[in-house]
Protein backbone atom coordinates (compact mmCIF):
# COMPACT_ATOMS: atom_id res chain seq x y z
CA ARG A 1 126.12 174.95 155.68
CA LEU A 2 126.38 171.18 154.84
CA GLU A 3 129.47 168.82 153.93
CA LEU A 4 130.10 165.21 152.88
CA ASP A 5 133.06 163.63 152.62
CA ALA A 6 134.49 160.37 150.88
CA LEU A 7 131.15 159.62 148.72
CA SER A 8 131.85 157.18 145.79
CA ILE A 9 128.89 156.31 142.88
CA LYS A 10 129.00 153.14 140.87
CA ASP A 11 127.04 152.71 137.55
CA ASP A 12 124.93 149.12 137.23
CA ALA A 13 128.34 147.37 136.29
CA GLY A 14 129.84 148.23 138.95
CA ARG A 15 132.68 150.74 137.85
CA ASN A 16 133.37 153.63 139.67
CA ALA A 17 131.33 156.70 138.24
CA LEU A 18 131.83 159.64 140.81
CA SER A 19 133.99 159.79 143.04
CA LEU A 20 133.93 163.05 145.67
CA ASN A 21 136.35 163.60 148.57
CA ASN A 22 134.57 166.28 150.06
CA VAL A 23 131.67 168.20 149.25
CA THR A 24 130.60 171.64 151.01
CA ALA A 25 127.05 173.77 150.70
CA VAL A 26 125.96 176.91 151.85
CA VAL A 27 122.13 177.09 151.94
CA GLY A 28 121.26 180.74 150.75
CA TRP A 29 118.52 181.76 153.24
CA SER A 30 115.86 182.28 149.58
CA SER A 31 115.79 178.75 149.30
CA LEU A 32 112.62 179.56 151.58
CA LEU A 33 111.25 182.14 149.31
CA LYS A 34 111.68 180.24 146.29
CA MET A 35 110.92 177.13 148.37
CA SER A 36 113.37 175.54 146.13
CA PRO A 37 116.90 174.49 146.92
CA TYR A 38 119.50 177.52 146.67
CA LEU A 39 123.33 177.21 147.25
CA HIS A 40 125.11 180.38 148.02
CA LEU A 41 128.41 178.05 147.32
CA LEU A 42 128.70 174.59 145.99
CA GLN A 43 132.39 173.46 146.57
CA ILE A 44 133.61 170.18 145.23
CA ASP A 45 137.05 169.43 146.03
CA ALA A 46 138.93 166.59 144.23
CA PRO A 47 136.03 164.60 141.95
CA VAL A 48 136.93 161.70 139.79
CA LEU A 49 134.14 161.89 137.11
CA ASP A 50 133.57 159.64 134.45
CA VAL A 51 132.00 160.36 131.47
CA ARG A 52 131.00 157.88 128.84
CA ARG A 53 129.37 157.02 125.52
CA ASP A 54 128.72 153.43 125.28
CA ALA A 55 128.62 151.37 121.67
CA ALA A 56 125.01 152.34 120.84
CA GLY A 57 126.37 155.84 121.11
CA ARG A 58 124.04 156.50 124.87
CA PHE A 59 126.07 159.01 126.80
CA PHE A 60 126.66 158.49 130.72
CA VAL A 61 127.94 160.88 133.44
CA ALA A 62 128.63 159.98 136.77
CA GLY A 63 127.23 155.88 135.90
CA MET A 64 123.47 157.97 135.21
CA PRO A 65 121.98 157.79 131.69
CA ILE A 66 121.17 161.16 129.96
CA LYS A 67 118.79 161.58 127.94
CA GLU A 68 117.56 163.68 124.85
CA GLU A 69 114.18 164.63 126.60
CA GLN A 70 114.94 164.24 129.97
CA GLY A 71 111.55 165.39 131.38
CA GLY A 72 111.46 166.62 134.86
CA PRO A 73 113.51 169.13 136.46
CA ASP A 74 115.95 170.85 134.72
CA LEU A 75 119.42 170.31 136.43
CA SER A 76 121.15 172.89 133.93
CA ALA A 77 118.66 175.29 134.71
CA TRP A 78 119.30 174.65 138.33
CA VAL A 79 122.91 174.72 137.84
CA LEU A 80 122.90 178.38 136.43
CA GLU A 81 120.75 180.01 139.67
CA GLN A 82 123.20 178.80 142.19
CA GLY A 83 125.10 181.87 143.49
CA ARG A 84 128.60 180.07 142.99
CA ILE A 85 129.59 176.50 142.11
CA VAL A 86 133.94 175.98 142.48
CA ILE A 87 135.04 172.50 141.42
CA ARG A 88 139.18 172.24 142.47
CA ASP A 89 141.28 169.60 141.17
CA ALA A 90 139.12 167.19 139.13
CA ARG A 91 139.66 164.97 137.26
CA VAL A 92 137.02 163.80 133.91
CA VAL A 93 137.98 160.75 132.64
CA TRP A 94 136.13 160.51 129.14
CA THR A 95 135.29 157.01 127.52
CA ASP A 96 133.66 156.51 124.10
CA GLU A 97 132.91 153.18 123.55
CA LYS A 98 131.01 154.37 120.09
CA ARG A 99 134.63 155.61 118.71
CA ASN A 100 136.88 152.48 120.11
CA ALA A 101 139.04 155.45 121.50
CA PRO A 102 141.53 155.13 124.49
CA PRO A 103 140.33 156.97 127.23
CA LEU A 104 141.06 161.04 127.73
CA VAL A 105 142.05 162.00 131.13
CA LEU A 106 141.88 165.89 132.20
CA ASP A 107 143.59 166.35 135.11
CA HIS A 108 143.41 169.36 137.48
CA LEU A 109 140.39 170.64 136.40
CA ASN A 110 139.73 173.58 138.07
CA LEU A 111 135.55 175.45 137.31
CA ARG A 112 134.07 178.42 138.72
CA LEU A 113 130.74 179.58 137.65
CA GLN A 114 129.57 182.62 139.39
CA ARG A 115 126.01 184.14 139.12
CA ALA A 116 126.35 188.09 138.38
CA VAL A 117 123.93 190.64 138.44
CA VAL A 118 122.85 189.72 135.15
CA GLY A 119 124.56 186.96 133.55
CA HIS A 120 127.14 184.91 134.82
CA ARG A 121 130.97 184.44 134.95
CA PHE A 122 133.41 181.15 134.69
CA GLY A 123 136.83 180.45 134.49
CA LEU A 124 137.89 176.61 133.84
CA THR A 125 141.45 175.34 133.87
CA ALA A 126 142.78 171.91 132.94
CA GLN A 127 145.30 169.54 131.68
CA PRO A 128 144.85 167.28 129.15
CA PRO A 129 147.84 164.67 128.56
CA VAL A 130 151.00 166.05 128.13
CA ALA A 131 151.20 164.82 124.43
CA LEU A 132 147.91 166.03 123.30
CA ALA A 133 148.34 169.58 124.67
CA SER A 134 149.09 172.69 127.56
CA PRO A 135 147.28 173.30 129.89
CA ILE A 136 143.50 174.67 128.88
CA ASP A 137 142.05 177.97 130.03
CA LEU A 138 138.62 178.92 129.40
CA ARG A 139 136.93 182.14 130.82
CA GLY A 140 134.07 184.07 129.90
CA GLU A 141 130.87 185.93 130.71
CA PHE A 142 127.53 185.37 129.35
CA LYS A 143 124.27 186.56 129.67
CA GLY A 144 121.62 183.93 129.32
CA ASP A 145 119.78 181.45 131.50
CA SER A 146 118.55 178.12 129.86
CA ILE A 147 121.01 175.52 127.95
CA GLU A 148 117.85 175.45 125.29
CA ARG A 149 118.78 179.01 123.98
CA MET A 150 121.79 178.61 123.81
CA ARG A 151 121.81 180.11 120.31
CA GLU A 152 120.33 183.48 122.12
CA TRP A 153 123.30 183.99 124.43
CA GLU A 154 125.33 187.24 124.23
CA GLY A 155 128.83 187.27 125.63
CA GLU A 156 132.66 186.84 125.44
CA LEU A 157 134.78 184.01 125.74
CA TYR A 158 138.92 183.93 126.19
CA ALA A 159 140.45 180.28 124.91
CA LYS A 160 144.00 179.77 125.49
CA VAL A 161 145.96 176.22 125.05
CA GLY A 162 149.09 175.94 123.25
CA ASN A 163 151.65 173.26 121.54
CA VAL A 164 148.10 170.96 120.75
CA ASP A 165 148.79 167.95 118.75
CA LEU A 166 146.15 168.66 116.27
CA ALA A 167 146.88 164.86 114.98
CA GLY A 168 146.71 163.36 118.18
CA TRP A 169 143.15 164.67 119.25
CA ARG A 170 141.65 162.71 116.01
CA ALA A 171 140.45 160.01 118.05
CA TRP A 172 138.62 161.73 119.82
CA VAL A 173 137.58 164.67 117.61
CA ASP A 174 136.14 164.66 114.23
CA TYR A 175 137.71 167.37 112.06
CA PRO A 176 136.19 168.34 108.43
CA VAL A 177 139.42 167.47 106.60
CA GLN A 178 141.87 164.81 106.23
CA VAL A 179 144.60 165.83 109.52
CA ASP A 180 147.35 163.22 109.73
CA GLN A 181 149.99 165.32 111.15
CA GLY A 182 150.83 169.18 112.89
CA ARG A 183 150.84 171.19 115.86
CA GLY A 184 148.51 173.96 117.13
CA SER A 185 149.34 176.91 119.58
C-alpha cells in the first residue's frame, strides 16, 4: 500500500496542471508474476486536473503534451489492466485556446472503473456549470481491451443528463446544424 499527499504538478508556463490531495495505491501480488506494476486499487481523492488545447491545436493533460503517435508504453492499455480505479470529488478544467472559449469546469466528478472477469464496468458522475445542465451520470459495461480497437468494443451504456442548454454548449461543442436556443432533458 502506497500513499501520497499534497502533490502538485505545474506545466512549463508555471500553471497548476494537476493537484492531488491524496492518492492510495494497493499493489497486487500478481505484479511479481507479470513483471509489471498491477494495482488492485488506485484511489485518487479530490484531484484538480487541467486539460488544455492550445491555439495550435495541441492537447495537454496535466501539463504534459499528448502526441498522436505516442511510442513507448501505452498508458490506456495499462489503465484497462488494473483491478479498480476510483477518482472521488475531482475538478476538471477544460481550456480551449483554439476555440477561444472560456474554461469549462466539471465539479464533483466521480469515476469508478473496475476490471470484471470479462471486460470492464464503469460509472462517472459530474456537475457541469448549473446554467449548462444538471449533473451528468454515465454508467456502463463493455468488453474490449484496447483503446486503439475501440470500434470493436461491445457493451451497454446508460447516460442521464437533464435540463441541458444546447445553445450554451456551443462554446465547446460543434453541432452539425445551427443551434441558437433550446433546452433538452
